[in-house]
Protein backbone atom coordinates (compact mmCIF):
# COMPACT_ATOMS: atom_id res chain seq x y z
CA MET A 1 56.14 -3.48 31.21
CA ILE A 2 59.39 -2.51 33.20
CA GLU A 3 60.92 -6.18 34.80
CA THR A 4 63.80 -4.90 36.13
CA GLU A 5 64.62 -1.71 38.57
CA PRO A 6 65.00 1.35 36.37
CA LYS A 7 68.86 2.29 35.71
CA GLN A 8 70.24 5.33 37.06
CA GLU A 9 70.57 7.20 33.94
CA TYR A 10 68.70 7.33 30.81
CA ASP A 11 68.93 9.33 27.19
CA VAL A 12 65.29 10.15 27.48
CA VAL A 13 62.82 10.03 30.35
CA ILE A 14 59.44 10.84 29.38
CA ILE A 15 56.94 11.99 31.90
CA GLY A 16 53.88 10.84 31.08
CA GLY A 17 52.49 7.64 29.31
CA GLY A 18 49.31 9.54 27.19
CA PRO A 19 49.32 9.83 24.00
CA ALA A 20 51.99 12.74 23.82
CA GLY A 21 54.59 10.22 25.65
CA ALA A 22 54.22 7.03 24.18
CA THR A 23 54.31 8.93 20.81
CA THR A 24 58.06 10.42 21.98
CA ALA A 25 58.68 6.95 23.01
CA ALA A 26 58.03 5.17 20.35
CA LEU A 27 59.77 6.86 17.90
CA VAL A 28 62.99 7.73 20.07
CA ALA A 29 63.54 4.37 20.88
CA GLU A 30 62.85 2.80 17.79
CA GLN A 31 66.39 4.73 17.03
CA GLY A 32 67.95 2.95 19.29
CA HIS A 33 67.70 5.63 22.12
CA ASP A 34 67.09 4.25 25.89
CA VAL A 35 64.07 5.56 26.63
CA LEU A 36 62.19 5.64 29.96
CA VAL A 37 58.50 6.65 30.63
CA ILE A 38 57.40 7.20 34.25
CA GLU A 39 53.31 7.23 34.42
CA ARG A 40 51.50 7.29 37.92
CA ASP A 41 48.88 5.42 36.70
CA GLN A 42 48.33 1.36 36.12
CA PHE A 43 46.71 0.66 32.63
CA PRO A 44 44.16 0.77 31.84
CA ARG A 45 43.09 3.82 33.08
CA PHE A 46 39.72 5.91 32.32
CA LYS A 47 40.44 9.13 30.37
CA ILE A 48 38.09 11.56 28.87
CA GLY A 49 38.45 12.84 25.19
CA GLU A 50 37.74 10.58 23.39
CA SER A 51 37.09 11.99 19.68
CA LEU A 52 39.83 11.34 17.42
CA MET A 53 40.40 13.66 14.07
CA PRO A 54 41.27 12.26 10.81
CA GLY A 55 44.30 14.15 10.66
CA THR A 56 45.74 11.64 13.31
CA TYR A 57 46.34 8.82 10.18
CA TRP A 58 49.69 10.30 9.73
CA THR A 59 50.82 9.61 13.07
CA LEU A 60 49.08 6.54 13.61
CA GLN A 61 50.89 5.13 10.58
CA ARG A 62 54.24 5.94 11.17
CA LEU A 63 53.50 4.42 14.55
CA GLY A 64 52.98 1.21 13.06
CA ILE A 65 48.98 1.36 14.46
CA PHE A 66 46.77 2.32 12.10
CA ASP A 67 46.08 -1.35 11.29
CA GLU A 68 45.61 -2.27 14.48
CA MET A 69 43.44 0.37 14.54
CA LYS A 70 41.36 -0.68 11.90
CA ARG A 71 41.05 -4.06 12.98
CA SER A 72 39.46 -2.57 16.63
CA VAL A 73 35.35 -2.17 17.70
CA PHE A 74 36.14 1.50 18.02
CA VAL A 75 33.25 3.16 16.07
CA ARG A 76 34.14 4.66 12.77
CA LYS A 77 33.93 9.11 12.95
CA HIS A 78 33.46 10.55 9.35
CA SER A 79 31.60 13.49 10.25
CA VAL A 80 31.10 16.32 12.56
CA GLN A 81 27.45 18.11 12.98
CA PHE A 82 26.19 21.12 14.98
CA TYR A 83 22.83 21.73 16.41
CA THR A 84 21.75 25.56 16.68
CA PRO A 85 20.19 26.84 19.99
CA SER A 86 16.59 26.18 18.53
CA GLY A 87 17.50 22.63 17.94
CA LYS A 88 17.31 22.86 13.75
CA ALA A 89 20.53 20.42 12.79
CA ALA A 90 23.00 22.07 10.45
CA ALA A 91 24.21 20.33 7.13
CA PRO A 92 26.80 17.77 8.83
CA PHE A 93 30.63 18.78 7.77
CA TYR A 94 31.75 15.34 6.11
CA PHE A 95 35.46 14.84 6.21
CA SER A 96 35.51 13.22 2.94
CA GLU A 97 34.58 16.19 1.19
CA ASN A 98 38.15 17.26 0.14
CA GLU A 99 39.73 13.55 0.29
CA PRO A 100 37.25 10.64 -0.34
CA ILE A 101 39.75 8.52 0.96
CA GLU A 102 40.65 6.12 3.80
CA ARG A 103 41.96 8.45 5.97
CA SER A 104 39.31 10.93 5.77
CA GLN A 105 37.74 8.87 8.37
CA THR A 106 38.63 8.24 12.11
CA TRP A 107 37.18 6.45 15.35
CA GLN A 108 35.54 7.48 18.55
CA VAL A 109 37.82 5.78 20.86
CA LEU A 110 37.37 4.80 24.76
CA ARG A 111 40.71 6.02 26.33
CA SER A 112 41.32 3.31 28.23
CA GLU A 113 42.08 0.61 25.52
CA PHE A 114 43.37 3.33 22.58
CA ASP A 115 46.31 4.44 25.63
CA GLN A 116 47.18 0.92 26.80
CA MET A 117 47.50 0.13 22.45
CA MET A 118 49.88 3.53 22.54
CA ILE A 119 52.04 2.25 25.59
CA ALA A 120 52.41 -0.93 24.68
CA ASN A 121 53.45 -0.23 20.84
CA ALA A 122 55.74 2.35 22.49
CA HIS A 123 57.66 -0.70 24.64
CA HIS A 124 57.46 -2.92 21.56
CA LYS A 125 59.39 -0.60 19.92
CA GLY A 126 62.19 -0.65 23.16
CA ALA A 127 61.01 2.07 25.41
CA GLN A 128 60.83 0.63 29.22
CA VAL A 129 57.47 2.15 30.95
CA LEU A 130 57.84 2.48 34.84
CA HIS A 131 53.57 2.37 36.21
CA GLY A 132 52.40 3.73 39.06
CA ALA A 133 55.76 5.59 39.95
CA ASN A 134 55.36 9.50 40.45
CA VAL A 135 57.62 12.65 39.08
CA LEU A 136 57.96 15.02 42.16
CA GLU A 137 59.97 16.97 40.54
CA VAL A 138 62.08 17.58 37.39
CA LEU A 139 66.08 18.24 38.49
CA PHE A 140 67.79 21.47 36.86
CA GLU A 141 71.91 22.47 37.01
CA GLU A 142 72.31 25.87 36.02
CA ASN A 143 69.09 25.88 33.71
CA LYS A 144 69.63 23.01 32.43
CA ALA A 145 67.19 19.74 32.94
CA VAL A 146 69.43 16.86 34.29
CA GLY A 147 66.94 14.27 35.58
CA VAL A 148 63.85 13.82 37.97
CA ARG A 149 63.21 12.82 41.00
CA VAL A 150 60.81 10.04 41.01
CA LYS A 151 58.70 8.38 44.03
CA MET A 152 58.67 4.51 43.12
CA PRO A 153 56.23 2.21 43.36
CA ASP A 154 57.11 1.06 46.40
CA LYS A 155 57.35 4.54 48.18
CA SER A 156 60.87 5.01 47.68
CA ILE A 157 62.58 7.84 46.41
CA ARG A 158 64.80 7.69 43.34
CA THR A 159 66.98 10.22 41.78
CA ILE A 160 67.27 9.32 37.63
CA LYS A 161 69.42 11.30 35.28
CA ALA A 162 68.61 12.02 31.44
CA THR A 163 70.05 13.63 28.71
CA VAL A 164 66.71 14.81 28.05
CA VAL A 165 63.80 15.18 29.86
CA VAL A 166 60.17 15.34 28.00
CA ASP A 167 57.34 16.74 29.95
CA ALA A 168 54.19 14.88 29.11
CA SER A 169 52.29 15.07 32.45
CA GLY A 170 49.50 16.38 30.90
CA GLN A 171 47.66 18.72 33.18
CA SER A 172 50.05 18.89 35.91
CA ALA A 173 51.95 20.79 33.35
CA LEU A 174 54.86 19.88 36.02
CA VAL A 175 57.75 21.98 33.90
CA ALA A 176 55.68 24.67 33.11
CA HIS A 177 54.34 25.59 36.88
CA LYS A 178 57.94 25.03 38.18
CA LEU A 179 59.25 27.69 35.73
CA LYS A 180 56.43 29.94 35.77
CA ILE A 181 55.45 29.75 32.04
CA TRP A 182 52.03 28.64 32.73
CA GLU A 183 49.12 30.90 30.96
CA LYS A 184 45.46 30.92 31.08
CA GLU A 185 44.24 30.68 28.15
CA ASP A 186 41.90 34.48 27.77
CA GLY A 187 38.61 34.27 27.33
CA LEU A 188 38.48 30.12 27.05
CA GLN A 189 38.22 29.23 31.11
CA ASN A 190 35.39 27.23 30.54
CA ALA A 191 34.11 23.86 32.75
CA ALA A 192 32.79 20.60 31.70
CA ILE A 193 30.61 18.02 33.69
CA PHE A 194 30.17 14.94 31.68
CA SER A 195 29.71 11.22 31.97
CA HIS A 196 28.70 7.91 30.27
CA PHE A 197 25.33 6.98 29.01
CA GLU A 198 24.19 3.81 27.44
CA GLY A 199 20.64 3.37 25.17
CA VAL A 200 21.08 6.65 23.79
CA ARG A 201 19.48 7.49 20.64
CA ARG A 202 22.42 7.84 18.03
CA ASP A 203 21.89 8.68 14.43
CA THR A 204 22.01 5.38 11.91
CA GLY A 205 24.58 4.60 8.55
CA ILE A 206 27.99 7.12 8.33
CA ASP A 207 26.37 9.12 10.78
CA GLU A 208 25.88 6.79 13.73
CA GLY A 209 29.66 7.92 14.66
CA ALA A 210 29.27 11.23 14.02
CA THR A 211 30.41 14.00 17.09
CA ILE A 212 27.61 16.18 17.43
CA ILE A 213 27.79 19.79 19.24
CA PHE A 214 24.29 20.69 20.69
CA HIS A 215 24.24 24.17 21.30
CA THR A 216 21.71 25.16 24.22
CA GLU A 217 18.80 28.03 24.02
CA LYS A 218 20.80 30.93 25.07
CA GLN A 219 24.15 30.10 23.68
CA ASP A 220 25.63 29.70 27.70
CA SER A 221 26.48 26.20 27.42
CA TRP A 222 27.23 23.78 24.78
CA PHE A 223 27.11 19.57 25.04
CA TRP A 224 29.19 17.42 23.20
CA PHE A 225 27.99 13.49 22.14
CA ILE A 226 30.48 10.85 21.07
CA PRO A 227 29.05 7.52 20.58
CA LEU A 228 31.31 4.87 21.37
CA ALA A 229 31.11 1.03 20.94
CA ASN A 230 28.69 -1.06 23.05
CA ASN A 231 25.88 1.53 22.70
CA VAL A 232 27.62 3.74 24.99
CA VAL A 233 27.65 7.42 24.03
CA SER A 234 30.01 9.92 26.18
CA ILE A 235 27.89 12.98 27.03
CA GLY A 236 29.03 16.49 28.50
CA VAL A 237 28.55 20.17 29.05
CA VAL A 238 30.98 22.95 28.52
CA GLY A 239 30.45 26.23 29.59
CA ASP A 240 31.90 29.44 30.97
CA ILE A 241 33.22 28.54 34.48
CA GLU A 242 31.68 31.27 36.15
CA PHE A 243 28.57 30.50 34.16
CA LEU A 244 28.51 26.87 35.59
CA PHE A 245 29.96 26.98 38.75
CA LYS A 246 30.84 30.13 40.68
CA ASN A 247 27.87 31.56 40.34
CA ARG A 248 25.22 28.60 41.25
CA SER A 249 25.23 26.55 43.95
CA GLU A 250 23.63 23.15 42.89
CA THR A 251 25.07 20.02 42.47
CA PRO A 252 27.02 18.68 39.07
CA GLU A 253 24.01 16.73 38.63
CA GLU A 254 21.48 19.56 38.68
CA ILE A 255 23.75 21.97 36.57
CA PHE A 256 23.62 19.20 34.07
CA ALA A 257 19.87 18.33 34.03
CA ALA A 258 19.01 22.34 34.45
CA GLU A 259 21.42 22.98 31.14
CA LEU A 260 19.89 19.73 29.63
CA ALA A 261 16.26 21.49 30.29
CA LYS A 262 17.72 24.00 28.01
CA CYS A 263 18.54 21.91 24.67
CA PRO A 264 15.64 20.49 23.18
CA ALA A 265 17.41 18.42 20.61
CA LEU A 266 19.39 16.24 22.98
CA GLN A 267 16.60 15.39 25.08
CA PRO A 268 14.97 13.01 23.13
CA ARG A 269 18.36 11.22 22.53
CA ILE A 270 18.70 10.57 26.17
CA GLU A 271 15.52 9.95 27.46
CA GLY A 272 15.66 6.90 29.03
CA ALA A 273 18.98 5.91 29.33
CA LYS A 274 21.08 4.99 31.71
CA GLN A 275 24.21 6.84 33.08
CA LEU A 276 27.19 4.74 33.47
CA PHE A 277 29.56 6.47 36.37
CA PRO A 278 28.59 9.46 38.43
CA LEU A 279 29.04 12.74 36.78
CA LYS A 280 33.00 14.18 36.38
CA THR A 281 33.55 17.63 36.18
CA THR A 282 36.74 19.47 35.12
CA LYS A 283 37.65 23.25 35.09
CA GLU A 284 40.08 26.01 33.39
CA PHE A 285 40.59 23.55 31.04
CA SER A 286 42.47 26.16 28.05
CA TYR A 287 45.89 27.21 29.20
CA ARG A 288 49.19 27.55 27.05
CA SER A 289 53.19 27.55 27.90
CA SER A 290 55.06 30.18 26.39
CA GLN A 291 58.04 28.31 25.95
CA LEU A 292 58.14 24.67 24.08
CA ALA A 293 61.75 23.78 25.37
CA GLY A 294 64.59 24.54 27.05
CA ASP A 295 68.00 23.53 27.55
CA GLY A 296 67.13 20.06 28.30
CA TRP A 297 63.60 19.40 28.70
CA VAL A 298 60.71 19.52 25.98
CA LEU A 299 57.08 20.04 26.41
CA ILE A 300 54.03 18.00 24.57
CA GLY A 301 50.70 17.38 24.55
CA ASP A 302 48.78 18.68 27.55
CA ALA A 303 51.75 19.55 29.33
CA ALA A 304 52.68 22.17 26.27
CA GLY A 305 48.47 23.43 26.30
CA PHE A 306 45.14 22.32 25.79
CA VAL A 307 42.66 24.16 23.88
CA ASP A 308 39.45 24.00 24.05
CA PRO A 309 37.34 20.58 23.28
CA ILE A 310 34.74 21.42 21.10
CA TYR A 311 36.42 20.44 18.22
CA SER A 312 37.94 17.39 19.81
CA SER A 313 41.80 18.37 18.52
CA GLY A 314 43.40 16.80 21.79
CA VAL A 315 44.33 13.84 21.16
CA PHE A 316 45.23 14.83 17.48
CA LEU A 317 47.72 17.84 18.97
CA ALA A 318 49.53 15.47 21.47
CA LEU A 319 49.83 13.05 18.81
CA LYS A 320 51.60 15.85 16.51
CA SER A 321 53.46 17.14 18.96
CA GLY A 322 54.70 14.60 20.35
CA GLU A 323 56.49 13.05 16.93
CA MET A 324 57.84 16.39 16.13
CA ALA A 325 59.32 16.46 19.18
CA ALA A 326 60.84 13.30 18.80
CA ASP A 327 62.21 14.05 15.48
CA ALA A 328 63.65 17.35 17.33
CA ILE A 329 65.06 15.02 19.87
CA ASN A 330 66.82 12.28 17.53
CA GLU A 331 68.32 15.17 15.40
CA ALA A 332 69.65 16.42 18.82
CA PHE A 333 71.56 13.22 19.33
CA THR A 334 72.78 13.08 15.98
CA GLN A 335 74.09 16.71 16.64
CA GLY A 336 74.97 16.60 19.99
CA ASP A 337 73.04 19.63 20.58
CA PHE A 338 70.62 19.41 23.74
CA SER A 339 69.94 23.16 23.47
CA GLY A 340 66.62 25.07 23.95
CA ARG A 341 66.71 26.04 20.08
CA GLN A 342 67.36 22.45 19.36
CA LEU A 343 65.33 20.79 20.77
CA GLY A 344 62.35 23.37 20.25
CA SER A 345 63.12 23.63 16.69
CA PHE A 346 59.47 22.23 15.89
CA GLY A 347 57.94 25.13 17.81
CA PRO A 348 56.83 27.40 15.04
CA GLU A 349 55.40 24.51 12.78
CA TYR A 350 53.69 23.11 15.39
CA LEU A 351 52.13 26.45 17.07
CA ARG A 352 51.28 26.99 13.47
CA GLY A 353 48.45 24.55 13.46
CA VAL A 354 47.62 24.90 16.83
CA ASP A 355 46.70 28.46 16.27
CA ALA A 356 44.59 27.29 13.68
CA MET A 357 42.53 25.46 15.97
CA LYS A 358 42.62 28.17 18.50
CA ASN A 359 40.52 30.62 16.08
CA LEU A 360 38.01 28.24 15.15
CA VAL A 361 37.22 27.97 18.53
CA TYR A 362 37.03 31.59 19.04
CA ALA A 363 34.76 31.60 16.26
CA PHE A 364 32.26 28.93 17.85
CA TYR A 365 32.49 30.87 21.15
CA THR A 366 31.63 34.30 19.11
CA ARG A 367 27.74 34.73 19.46
CA GLU A 368 27.03 37.19 17.20
CA PHE A 369 28.99 34.67 14.49
CA SER A 370 27.28 31.71 12.33
CA PHE A 371 28.65 29.08 10.18
CA GLY A 372 25.78 28.96 8.12
CA ARG A 373 25.96 33.13 7.39
CA PHE A 374 29.47 32.93 7.25
CA LEU A 375 29.44 30.22 4.71
CA ARG A 376 26.63 31.65 2.56
CA LYS A 377 28.60 34.63 2.19
CA TYR A 378 32.06 33.05 1.26
CA PRO A 379 30.94 29.13 0.31
CA GLU A 380 34.51 29.00 -0.79
CA CYS A 381 35.46 28.87 2.90
CA ARG A 382 33.88 25.65 3.61
CA LYS A 383 37.08 23.73 2.41
CA ASP A 384 39.13 25.48 5.40
CA ILE A 385 36.99 24.56 7.37
CA VAL A 386 37.03 21.26 6.92
CA ASN A 387 40.36 20.86 6.83
CA ILE A 388 40.52 22.09 10.27
CA LEU A 389 37.85 19.91 11.39
CA VAL A 390 39.86 16.75 9.85
CA GLY A 391 43.42 18.19 11.11
CA ASN A 392 44.94 18.93 8.08
CA VAL A 393 46.49 21.97 9.42
CA TYR A 394 50.03 21.25 8.88
CA ARG A 395 49.16 20.12 5.27
CA GLU A 396 47.01 22.38 4.27
CA PRO A 397 46.78 26.33 4.53
CA VAL A 398 44.46 27.26 6.39
CA ASN A 399 45.25 30.70 6.93
CA GLY A 400 42.92 33.02 4.85
CA LEU A 401 39.78 31.78 6.56
CA PHE A 402 40.53 34.17 9.28
CA GLU A 403 40.81 37.26 7.16
CA GLN A 404 37.19 36.81 6.32
CA MET A 405 36.03 35.74 9.87
CA ALA A 406 37.35 39.01 11.26
CA GLU A 407 34.23 40.56 9.53
CA PHE A 408 32.04 38.75 11.54
CA GLY A 409 33.85 39.60 14.99
CA VAL A 410 36.23 36.76 15.43
CA PRO A 411 39.18 37.79 17.28
CA SER A 412 42.21 36.14 15.85
CA VAL A 413 45.07 34.55 17.79
CA GLN A 414 48.97 34.22 17.06
CA SER A 415 51.04 32.20 19.20
CA SER A 416 54.54 32.98 19.91
CA SER A 417 57.29 30.33 21.92
CA THR A 418 60.59 29.91 22.49
């Protein structure tokens, strides 16, 4: 998407063209600023994280691609459902319970197509996109980010200057690792083994596109079940990294099969299905940065942190952080203030939503906690839980929910960032 050699200097250089980077690129470029996105991969490319939250509606609408999503072949998602360790299905959490309107549904996307749509939109709004280039280093002068050193598609090394560097490099987290502000998320050091399967038995009607979470018998692991277009389902098993990998000698295929044998509700659905590619693994995927911005730089999406995938918050938080950062960057150009204070001004609000997601994640992993028992005692809290599953964490207050959850042994977390 870049027809000429990149210039020597830009207003904003964005490392990574995923949903977070593409969002910031689109919203900054449409304000007339000179934006370069540097993406190491050629699109389309495979990416896990296919399930969206309805809360993505607001950002997708602002980006101008909500109607394109409606015309897509992506499977519509109306709910999330949980299965107990014994294989019993709990009542689904339908997103329309709180707001029975169009934006209460979302999609299960093929990320190769969704990410292509997002970066094409950024390019359409004026951002330049350079594929096949790898950012080797973010350059600093007197603690201020001033540009990047890039390995170009032709293998040459270039230095590109920027007033603002946005790190959307995903789990590479270039700036966080360079500045040593990357931290593991205590208590959430999990791993996943996953693939796509064809011919899996799915539910019907409004439930066909539901994300389903299956516990295994002893709650040592759980499976995600995400229906995609063309009769494909994304299925993965998640468990503590010590349990899944470090204390066993099996191959990923053997581990996946062993955990599936402990999941009676999933077994009949996947029986006879065709696995479409070899199992992939990802490990230690919950982490955070203790700082979201500094002089001349901003972190967004997975480069800022990642919450466990249980509630499919990854793309939602990528879009939201990309949108909030874009507003802070645009204001920085208006004010001529590129300090960490200005560029990170979105941090407190953004982290408030992250914490709501994270607290519900801790509830899921608290063995003595049960959503069924909790809602029998506090039925009025169902609305707050649905709001988190929808992604309404920036539009509705949900913090009171966690005080009641603490009675069931659920820890409460609160992030801080500078």
